[in-house]
């Protein structure tokens, strides 16, 4: 199920979330002790590249997308019953309140179809226009716990993938280079026969979205060493 804790950080603003410290896997601290407000002056000139975003409006928009994000996750569960993980996204929001750039800088979800569905939901949302710049930057994250009715996938070190690992890294590196992307991380579920059940992709910059399809296609075509008697979850990082 989707964790209740949702957080987002607008430019010059700190994350607002459920607060406190969690001991659950994958959850992080959040706080709301340093929130600034955007200027409302009618004489602002939009000459700067990056402007401020109204924190309350950004949080309200994020909360409004929660049902769509949950629907994306539930669709993913029908394909991968032990689906779960955390996502951190970056949005660049223009003067029309549209996120014309949206990408995942971190993801442990392990399923690109679900990730794409969530990014689409964030792009289609109506965000507040930035003040004092052409674009506003918002960063945030959310997490999904695997179904309690399913045994979680076994965490597996990438070195256990066998002789296909160097080929996988080479394929990711080529996709990254062709898209001029920064560091790319792929998270995948490997079935007992060594075939990937799902592949997720995150990158340190927006060009990683252009590399994602290439990475998914390359890894899904491979057969890795069997993880054993139950499916495993593994991460492959290429700088």
C-alpha atoms as a PDB file:
ATOM      1  CA  UNK A   1       0.000   0.000   0.000  1.00  0.00           C
ATOM      2  CA  UNK A   2       1.041   3.590  -0.499  1.00  0.00           C
ATOM      3  CA  UNK A   3       2.641   5.126   2.577  1.00  0.00           C
ATOM      4  CA  UNK A   4       0.760   8.140   3.851  1.00  0.00           C
ATOM      5  CA  UNK A   5       3.913  10.212   4.071  1.00  0.00           C
ATOM      6  CA  UNK A   6       4.296  12.456   1.012  1.00  0.00           C
ATOM      7  CA  UNK A   7       6.865  15.210   0.775  1.00  0.00           C
ATOM      8  CA  UNK A   8       7.859  17.893  -1.695  1.00  0.00           C
ATOM      9  CA  UNK A   9      10.487  20.594  -1.711  1.00  0.00           C
ATOM     10  CA  UNK A  10      10.062  23.746  -3.743  1.00  0.00           C
ATOM     11  CA  UNK A  11      12.954  26.092  -4.473  1.00  0.00           C
ATOM     12  CA  UNK A  12      14.236  27.668  -1.216  1.00  0.00           C
ATOM     13  CA  UNK A  13      11.750  25.522   0.729  1.00  0.00           C
ATOM     14  CA  UNK A  14      12.202  22.418   2.816  1.00  0.00           C
ATOM     15  CA  UNK A  15      10.328  19.147   2.596  1.00  0.00           C
ATOM     16  CA  UNK A  16       6.908  19.035   4.213  1.00  0.00           C
ATOM     17  CA  UNK A  17       5.860  15.539   5.180  1.00  0.00           C
ATOM     18  CA  UNK A  18       4.582  13.395   7.987  1.00  0.00           C
ATOM     19  CA  UNK A  19       7.472  14.292  10.275  1.00  0.00           C
ATOM     20  CA  UNK A  20       9.289  12.191  12.797  1.00  0.00           C
ATOM     21  CA  UNK A  21      11.608   9.300  12.209  1.00  0.00           C
ATOM     22  CA  UNK A  22      10.520   5.973  10.764  1.00  0.00           C
ATOM     23  CA  UNK A  23      12.149   2.632  11.244  1.00  0.00           C
ATOM     24  CA  UNK A  24      10.551   1.097   8.150  1.00  0.00           C
ATOM     25  CA  UNK A  25      12.814   0.180   5.246  1.00  0.00           C
ATOM     26  CA  UNK A  26      13.228   2.939   2.684  1.00  0.00           C
ATOM     27  CA  UNK A  27      11.574   5.736   4.684  1.00  0.00           C
ATOM     28  CA  UNK A  28      13.430   8.952   5.500  1.00  0.00           C
ATOM     29  CA  UNK A  29      13.048  11.815   7.912  1.00  0.00           C
ATOM     30  CA  UNK A  30      11.047  14.836   6.856  1.00  0.00           C
ATOM     31  CA  UNK A  31      10.440  18.138   8.564  1.00  0.00           C
ATOM     32  CA  UNK A  32       8.564  21.419   8.210  1.00  0.00           C
ATOM     33  CA  UNK A  33      10.620  23.738  10.376  1.00  0.00           C
ATOM     34  CA  UNK A  34      12.063  25.925   7.592  1.00  0.00           C
ATOM     35  CA  UNK A  35       9.364  26.982   5.163  1.00  0.00           C
ATOM     36  CA  UNK A  36       9.641  30.295   3.321  1.00  0.00           C
ATOM     37  CA  UNK A  37       6.912  32.101   1.399  1.00  0.00           C
ATOM     38  CA  UNK A  38       7.046  33.416  -2.150  1.00  0.00           C
ATOM     39  CA  UNK A  39       6.799  37.123  -2.926  1.00  0.00           C
ATOM     40  CA  UNK A  40       3.425  38.334  -4.169  1.00  0.00           C
ATOM     41  CA  UNK A  41       4.617  41.666  -5.556  1.00  0.00           C
ATOM     42  CA  UNK A  42       2.874  42.676  -8.771  1.00  0.00           C
ATOM     43  CA  UNK A  43       6.080  44.339 -10.017  1.00  0.00           C
ATOM     44  CA  UNK A  44       8.179  41.178 -10.189  1.00  0.00           C
ATOM     45  CA  UNK A  45      10.199  40.889 -13.397  1.00  0.00           C
ATOM     46  CA  UNK A  46      10.588  37.318 -14.629  1.00  0.00           C
ATOM     47  CA  UNK A  47      14.196  37.594 -15.725  1.00  0.00           C
ATOM     48  CA  UNK A  48      15.767  34.928 -13.542  1.00  0.00           C
ATOM     49  CA  UNK A  49      15.816  31.330 -14.688  1.00  0.00           C
ATOM     50  CA  UNK A  50      14.495  29.894 -11.429  1.00  0.00           C
ATOM     51  CA  UNK A  51      11.696  31.395  -9.363  1.00  0.00           C
ATOM     52  CA  UNK A  52      10.057  30.524  -6.051  1.00  0.00           C
ATOM     53  CA  UNK A  53       6.984  28.310  -5.705  1.00  0.00           C
ATOM     54  CA  UNK A  54       4.196  28.734  -3.196  1.00  0.00           C
ATOM     55  CA  UNK A  55       4.784  25.894  -0.736  1.00  0.00           C
ATOM     56  CA  UNK A  56       1.170  25.439   0.324  1.00  0.00           C
ATOM     57  CA  UNK A  57      -0.099  25.318  -3.258  1.00  0.00           C
ATOM     58  CA  UNK A  58       2.618  22.878  -4.293  1.00  0.00           C
ATOM     59  CA  UNK A  59       1.779  20.570  -1.401  1.00  0.00           C
ATOM     60  CA  UNK A  60      -1.925  20.778  -2.206  1.00  0.00           C
ATOM     61  CA  UNK A  61      -1.253  19.802  -5.814  1.00  0.00           C
ATOM     62  CA  UNK A  62       0.885  16.871  -4.724  1.00  0.00           C
ATOM     63  CA  UNK A  63      -1.815  15.684  -2.339  1.00  0.00           C
ATOM     64  CA  UNK A  64      -4.337  15.947  -5.155  1.00  0.00           C
ATOM     65  CA  UNK A  65      -2.323  13.519  -7.269  1.00  0.00           C
ATOM     66  CA  UNK A  66      -2.181  10.834  -4.563  1.00  0.00           C
ATOM     67  CA  UNK A  67      -5.180   8.877  -5.868  1.00  0.00           C
ATOM     68  CA  UNK A  68      -3.692   8.748  -9.363  1.00  0.00           C
ATOM     69  CA  UNK A  69      -0.317   7.664  -8.010  1.00  0.00           C
ATOM     70  CA  UNK A  70      -2.011   4.934  -6.001  1.00  0.00           C
ATOM     71  CA  UNK A  71      -3.895   3.789  -9.105  1.00  0.00           C
ATOM     72  CA  UNK A  72      -0.588   3.524 -10.983  1.00  0.00           C
ATOM     73  CA  UNK A  73       0.839   1.448  -8.161  1.00  0.00           C
ATOM     74  CA  UNK A  74      -2.187  -0.846  -7.999  1.00  0.00           C
ATOM     75  CA  UNK A  75      -1.926  -1.477 -11.743  1.00  0.00           C
ATOM     76  CA  UNK A  76       1.702  -2.435 -11.214  1.00  0.00           C
ATOM     77  CA  UNK A  77       0.763  -4.846  -8.434  1.00  0.00           C
ATOM     78  CA  UNK A  78      -1.375  -6.812 -10.891  1.00  0.00           C
ATOM     79  CA  UNK A  79       1.779  -7.559 -12.885  1.00  0.00           C
ATOM     80  CA  UNK A  80       4.328  -7.714 -10.059  1.00  0.00           C
ATOM     81  CA  UNK A  81       2.585  -8.781  -6.830  1.00  0.00           C
ATOM     82  CA  UNK A  82       5.516  -7.832  -4.558  1.00  0.00           C
ATOM     83  CA  UNK A  83       6.053  -4.402  -6.162  1.00  0.00           C
ATOM     84  CA  UNK A  84       7.277  -1.728  -3.764  1.00  0.00           C
ATOM     85  CA  UNK A  85       9.851   0.999  -3.315  1.00  0.00           C
ATOM     86  CA  UNK A  86      10.578   4.710  -3.071  1.00  0.00           C
ATOM     87  CA  UNK A  87      10.666   7.423  -5.715  1.00  0.00           C
ATOM     88  CA  UNK A  88      12.241  10.875  -5.712  1.00  0.00           C
ATOM     89  CA  UNK A  89      11.230  13.135  -8.567  1.00  0.00           C
ATOM     90  CA  UNK A  90      12.245  16.510  -9.997  1.00  0.00           C
ATOM     91  CA  UNK A  91       9.825  18.861 -11.746  1.00  0.00           C
ATOM     92  CA  UNK A  92      10.486  22.056 -13.686  1.00  0.00           C
ATOM     93  CA  UNK A  93       7.293  24.098 -13.677  1.00  0.00           C
ATOM     94  CA  UNK A  94       6.711  26.899 -16.173  1.00  0.00           C
ATOM     95  CA  UNK A  95       4.641  30.080 -15.987  1.00  0.00           C
ATOM     96  CA  UNK A  96       1.538  28.187 -17.133  1.00  0.00           C
ATOM     97  CA  UNK A  97       1.761  25.908 -14.096  1.00  0.00           C
ATOM     98  CA  UNK A  98       2.813  22.976 -16.264  1.00  0.00           C
ATOM     99  CA  UNK A  99       5.615  20.583 -15.352  1.00  0.00           C
ATOM    100  CA  UNK A 100       7.290  20.605 -18.750  1.00  0.00           C
ATOM    101  CA  UNK A 101      10.187  18.579 -17.338  1.00  0.00           C
ATOM    102  CA  UNK A 102       9.649  15.646 -14.992  1.00  0.00           C
ATOM    103  CA  UNK A 103      12.086  12.886 -14.190  1.00  0.00           C
ATOM    104  CA  UNK A 104      13.095  10.464 -11.462  1.00  0.00           C
ATOM    105  CA  UNK A 105      16.428  11.185  -9.824  1.00  0.00           C
ATOM    106  CA  UNK A 106      16.030   8.127  -7.592  1.00  0.00           C
ATOM    107  CA  UNK A 107      13.759   5.100  -7.745  1.00  0.00           C
ATOM    108  CA  UNK A 108      13.735   1.686  -6.114  1.00  0.00           C
ATOM    109  CA  UNK A 109      10.323   0.771  -7.514  1.00  0.00           C
ATOM    110  CA  UNK A 110      11.680  -1.550 -10.208  1.00  0.00           C
ATOM    111  CA  UNK A 111       8.979  -1.163 -12.850  1.00  0.00           C
ATOM    112  CA  UNK A 112       9.191   1.411 -15.634  1.00  0.00           C
ATOM    113  CA  UNK A 113       5.544   1.105 -16.594  1.00  0.00           C
ATOM    114  CA  UNK A 114       4.505   2.149 -13.092  1.00  0.00           C
ATOM    115  CA  UNK A 115       7.138   4.888 -12.978  1.00  0.00           C
ATOM    116  CA  UNK A 116       5.953   6.311 -16.308  1.00  0.00           C
ATOM    117  CA  UNK A 117       2.347   6.271 -15.129  1.00  0.00           C
ATOM    118  CA  UNK A 118       3.323   8.257 -12.039  1.00  0.00           C
ATOM    119  CA  UNK A 119       5.389  10.776 -13.976  1.00  0.00           C
ATOM    120  CA  UNK A 120       2.458  11.300 -16.359  1.00  0.00           C
ATOM    121  CA  UNK A 121       0.199  12.019 -13.366  1.00  0.00           C
ATOM    122  CA  UNK A 122       2.662  14.621 -12.095  1.00  0.00           C
ATOM    123  CA  UNK A 123       2.993  16.235 -15.534  1.00  0.00           C
ATOM    124  CA  UNK A 124      -0.778  16.503 -15.974  1.00  0.00           C
ATOM    125  CA  UNK A 125      -1.334  18.167 -12.595  1.00  0.00           C
ATOM    126  CA  UNK A 126      -1.935  21.936 -12.387  1.00  0.00           C
ATOM    127  CA  UNK A 127       0.979  23.407 -10.440  1.00  0.00           C
ATOM    128  CA  UNK A 128       1.337  26.974  -9.135  1.00  0.00           C
ATOM    129  CA  UNK A 129       3.235  29.362 -11.396  1.00  0.00           C
ATOM    130  CA  UNK A 130       6.678  30.354 -10.128  1.00  0.00           C
ATOM    131  CA  UNK A 131       7.295  33.879  -8.873  1.00  0.00           C
ATOM    132  CA  UNK A 132      10.503  35.697  -9.775  1.00  0.00           C
ATOM    133  CA  UNK A 133      11.680  33.391 -12.551  1.00  0.00           C
ATOM    134  CA  UNK A 134      10.727  31.671 -15.772  1.00  0.00           C
ATOM    135  CA  UNK A 135      10.583  28.267 -14.096  1.00  0.00           C
ATOM    136  CA  UNK A 136      10.244  26.844 -10.634  1.00  0.00           C
ATOM    137  CA  UNK A 137      11.917  23.646  -9.497  1.00  0.00           C
ATOM    138  CA  UNK A 138      10.166  21.232  -7.165  1.00  0.00           C
ATOM    139  CA  UNK A 139      11.640  18.059  -5.727  1.00  0.00           C
ATOM    140  CA  UNK A 140       9.713  15.491  -3.776  1.00  0.00           C
ATOM    141  CA  UNK A 141       9.184  11.862  -3.082  1.00  0.00           C
ATOM    142  CA  UNK A 142       6.784   9.170  -2.037  1.00  0.00           C
ATOM    143  CA  UNK A 143       6.979   5.527  -1.094  1.00  0.00           C
ATOM    144  CA  UNK A 144       5.002   2.351  -1.583  1.00  0.00           C
ATOM    145  CA  UNK A 145       5.188  -0.699   0.642  1.00  0.00           C
ATOM    146  CA  UNK A 146       4.789  -4.174  -0.883  1.00  0.00           C
ATOM    147  CA  UNK A 147       1.491  -5.902  -0.213  1.00  0.00           C
ATOM    148  CA  UNK A 148       1.469  -7.581   3.215  1.00  0.00           C
ATOM    149  CA  UNK A 149      -0.149 -10.572   1.527  1.00  0.00           C
ATOM    150  CA  UNK A 150       2.933 -11.217  -0.606  1.00  0.00           C
ATOM    151  CA  UNK A 151       6.411 -12.298   0.333  1.00  0.00           C
ATOM    152  CA  UNK A 152       8.812  -9.470  -0.640  1.00  0.00           C
ATOM    153  CA  UNK A 153      11.382 -10.090  -3.344  1.00  0.00           C
ATOM    154  CA  UNK A 154      14.797 -11.068  -1.990  1.00  0.00           C
ATOM    155  CA  UNK A 155      17.372  -8.254  -2.063  1.00  0.00           C
ATOM    156  CA  UNK A 156      20.239  -9.407  -4.258  1.00  0.00           C
ATOM    157  CA  UNK A 157      23.679  -7.935  -4.850  1.00  0.00           C
ATOM    158  CA  UNK A 158      24.325  -7.162  -8.531  1.00  0.00           C
ATOM    159  CA  UNK A 159      27.448  -9.356  -8.471  1.00  0.00           C
ATOM    160  CA  UNK A 160      25.153 -12.385  -8.085  1.00  0.00           C
ATOM    161  CA  UNK A 161      23.655 -11.825 -11.554  1.00  0.00           C
ATOM    162  CA  UNK A 162      26.378 -13.874 -13.184  1.00  0.00           C
ATOM    163  CA  UNK A 163      28.163 -13.418 -16.508  1.00  0.00           C
ATOM    164  CA  UNK A 164      25.426 -11.178 -17.902  1.00  0.00           C
ATOM    165  CA  UNK A 165      26.209  -8.380 -15.428  1.00  0.00           C
ATOM    166  CA  UNK A 166      29.096  -6.869 -17.475  1.00  0.00           C
ATOM    167  CA  UNK A 167      26.852  -6.955 -20.555  1.00  0.00           C
ATOM    168  CA  UNK A 168      24.064  -5.272 -18.601  1.00  0.00           C
ATOM    169  CA  UNK A 169      26.389  -2.526 -17.397  1.00  0.00           C
ATOM    170  CA  UNK A 170      27.732  -2.014 -20.911  1.00  0.00           C
ATOM    171  CA  UNK A 171      24.201  -1.752 -22.297  1.00  0.00           C
ATOM    172  CA  UNK A 172      23.199   0.782 -19.642  1.00  0.00           C
ATOM    173  CA  UNK A 173      26.365   2.786 -20.297  1.00  0.00           C
ATOM    174  CA  UNK A 174      25.614   2.922 -24.019  1.00  0.00           C
ATOM    175  CA  UNK A 175      22.013   4.028 -23.415  1.00  0.00           C
ATOM    176  CA  UNK A 176      23.263   6.665 -20.992  1.00  0.00           C
ATOM    177  CA  UNK A 177      25.888   7.974 -23.423  1.00  0.00           C
ATOM    178  CA  UNK A 178      23.499   8.042 -26.398  1.00  0.00           C
ATOM    179  CA  UNK A 179      21.039  10.147 -24.380  1.00  0.00           C
ATOM    180  CA  UNK A 180      23.759  12.313 -22.814  1.00  0.00           C
ATOM    181  CA  UNK A 181      22.361  11.357 -19.424  1.00  0.00           C
ATOM    182  CA  UNK A 182      24.107  11.550 -16.073  1.00  0.00           C
ATOM    183  CA  UNK A 183      24.503   8.550 -13.798  1.00  0.00           C
ATOM    184  CA  UNK A 184      21.806   5.949 -14.461  1.00  0.00           C
ATOM    185  CA  UNK A 185      20.486   3.409 -11.979  1.00  0.00           C
ATOM    186  CA  UNK A 186      18.356   0.437 -12.980  1.00  0.00           C
ATOM    187  CA  UNK A 187      16.363  -1.563 -10.446  1.00  0.00           C
ATOM    188  CA  UNK A 188      14.892  -4.857 -11.576  1.00  0.00           C
ATOM    189  CA  UNK A 189      13.011  -7.890 -10.341  1.00  0.00           C
ATOM    190  CA  UNK A 190      14.571 -11.134 -11.517  1.00  0.00           C
ATOM    191  CA  UNK A 191      12.387 -14.237 -11.615  1.00  0.00           C
ATOM    192  CA  UNK A 192      13.600 -17.699 -10.647  1.00  0.00           C
ATOM    193  CA  UNK A 193      14.423 -18.448 -14.303  1.00  0.00           C
ATOM    194  CA  UNK A 194      16.705 -15.401 -14.493  1.00  0.00           C
ATOM    195  CA  UNK A 195      14.319 -13.322 -16.635  1.00  0.00           C
ATOM    196  CA  UNK A 196      13.501  -9.773 -15.534  1.00  0.00           C
ATOM    197  CA  UNK A 197       9.873  -9.302 -14.481  1.00  0.00           C
ATOM    198  CA  UNK A 198      10.173  -5.538 -14.343  1.00  0.00           C
ATOM    199  CA  UNK A 199      12.848  -2.865 -14.786  1.00  0.00           C
ATOM    200  CA  UNK A 200      12.830   0.647 -13.369  1.00  0.00           C
ATOM    201  CA  UNK A 201      15.174   3.516 -14.269  1.00  0.00           C
ATOM    202  CA  UNK A 202      16.357   6.685 -12.538  1.00  0.00           C
ATOM    203  CA  UNK A 203      18.959   9.262 -13.530  1.00  0.00           C
ATOM    204  CA  UNK A 204      20.700  12.296 -12.090  1.00  0.00           C
ATOM    205  CA  UNK A 205      19.369  14.539 -14.867  1.00  0.00           C
ATOM    206  CA  UNK A 206      16.365  14.866 -17.178  1.00  0.00           C
ATOM    207  CA  UNK A 207      18.143  13.191 -20.095  1.00  0.00           C
ATOM    208  CA  UNK A 208      17.773   9.937 -18.217  1.00  0.00           C
ATOM    209  CA  UNK A 209      14.158   9.853 -19.400  1.00  0.00           C
ATOM    210  CA  UNK A 210      15.462   9.557 -22.969  1.00  0.00           C
ATOM    211  CA  UNK A 211      17.698   6.665 -21.914  1.00  0.00           C
ATOM    212  CA  UNK A 212      15.020   4.808 -19.949  1.00  0.00           C
ATOM    213  CA  UNK A 213      13.330   2.896 -22.776  1.00  0.00           C
ATOM    214  CA  UNK A 214      16.716   1.820 -24.128  1.00  0.00           C
ATOM    215  CA  UNK A 215      17.768   0.535 -20.701  1.00  0.00           C
ATOM    216  CA  UNK A 216      14.520  -1.347 -20.124  1.00  0.00           C
ATOM    217  CA  UNK A 217      14.592  -2.997 -23.551  1.00  0.00           C
ATOM    218  CA  UNK A 218      18.228  -4.051 -23.139  1.00  0.00           C
ATOM    219  CA  UNK A 219      17.812  -5.573 -19.683  1.00  0.00           C
ATOM    220  CA  UNK A 220      14.516  -7.314 -20.394  1.00  0.00           C
ATOM    221  CA  UNK A 221      16.168  -9.115 -23.324  1.00  0.00           C
ATOM    222  CA  UNK A 222      18.764 -10.681 -21.021  1.00  0.00           C
ATOM    223  CA  UNK A 223      18.689 -13.839 -18.911  1.00  0.00           C
ATOM    224  CA  UNK A 224      20.631 -13.597 -15.679  1.00  0.00           C
ATOM    225  CA  UNK A 225      21.724 -16.243 -13.212  1.00  0.00           C
ATOM    226  CA  UNK A 226      18.786 -17.635 -11.260  1.00  0.00           C
ATOM    227  CA  UNK A 227      18.417 -15.918  -7.877  1.00  0.00           C
ATOM    228  CA  UNK A 228      17.233 -19.184  -6.362  1.00  0.00           C
ATOM    229  CA  UNK A 229      13.803 -20.414  -5.346  1.00  0.00           C
ATOM    230  CA  UNK A 230      12.209 -16.971  -5.152  1.00  0.00           C
ATOM    231  CA  UNK A 231      12.302 -13.768  -7.196  1.00  0.00           C
ATOM    232  CA  UNK A 232      14.944 -11.172  -6.318  1.00  0.00           C
ATOM    233  CA  UNK A 233      15.291  -7.413  -6.512  1.00  0.00           C
ATOM    234  CA  UNK A 234      18.614  -5.970  -7.638  1.00  0.00           C
ATOM    235  CA  UNK A 235      20.065  -2.567  -8.491  1.00  0.00           C
ATOM    236  CA  UNK A 236      22.666  -1.845 -11.180  1.00  0.00           C
ATOM    237  CA  UNK A 237      24.290   1.599 -11.176  1.00  0.00           C
ATOM    238  CA  UNK A 238      26.361   3.093 -14.002  1.00  0.00           C
ATOM    239  CA  UNK A 239      28.057   6.474 -13.515  1.00  0.00           C
END
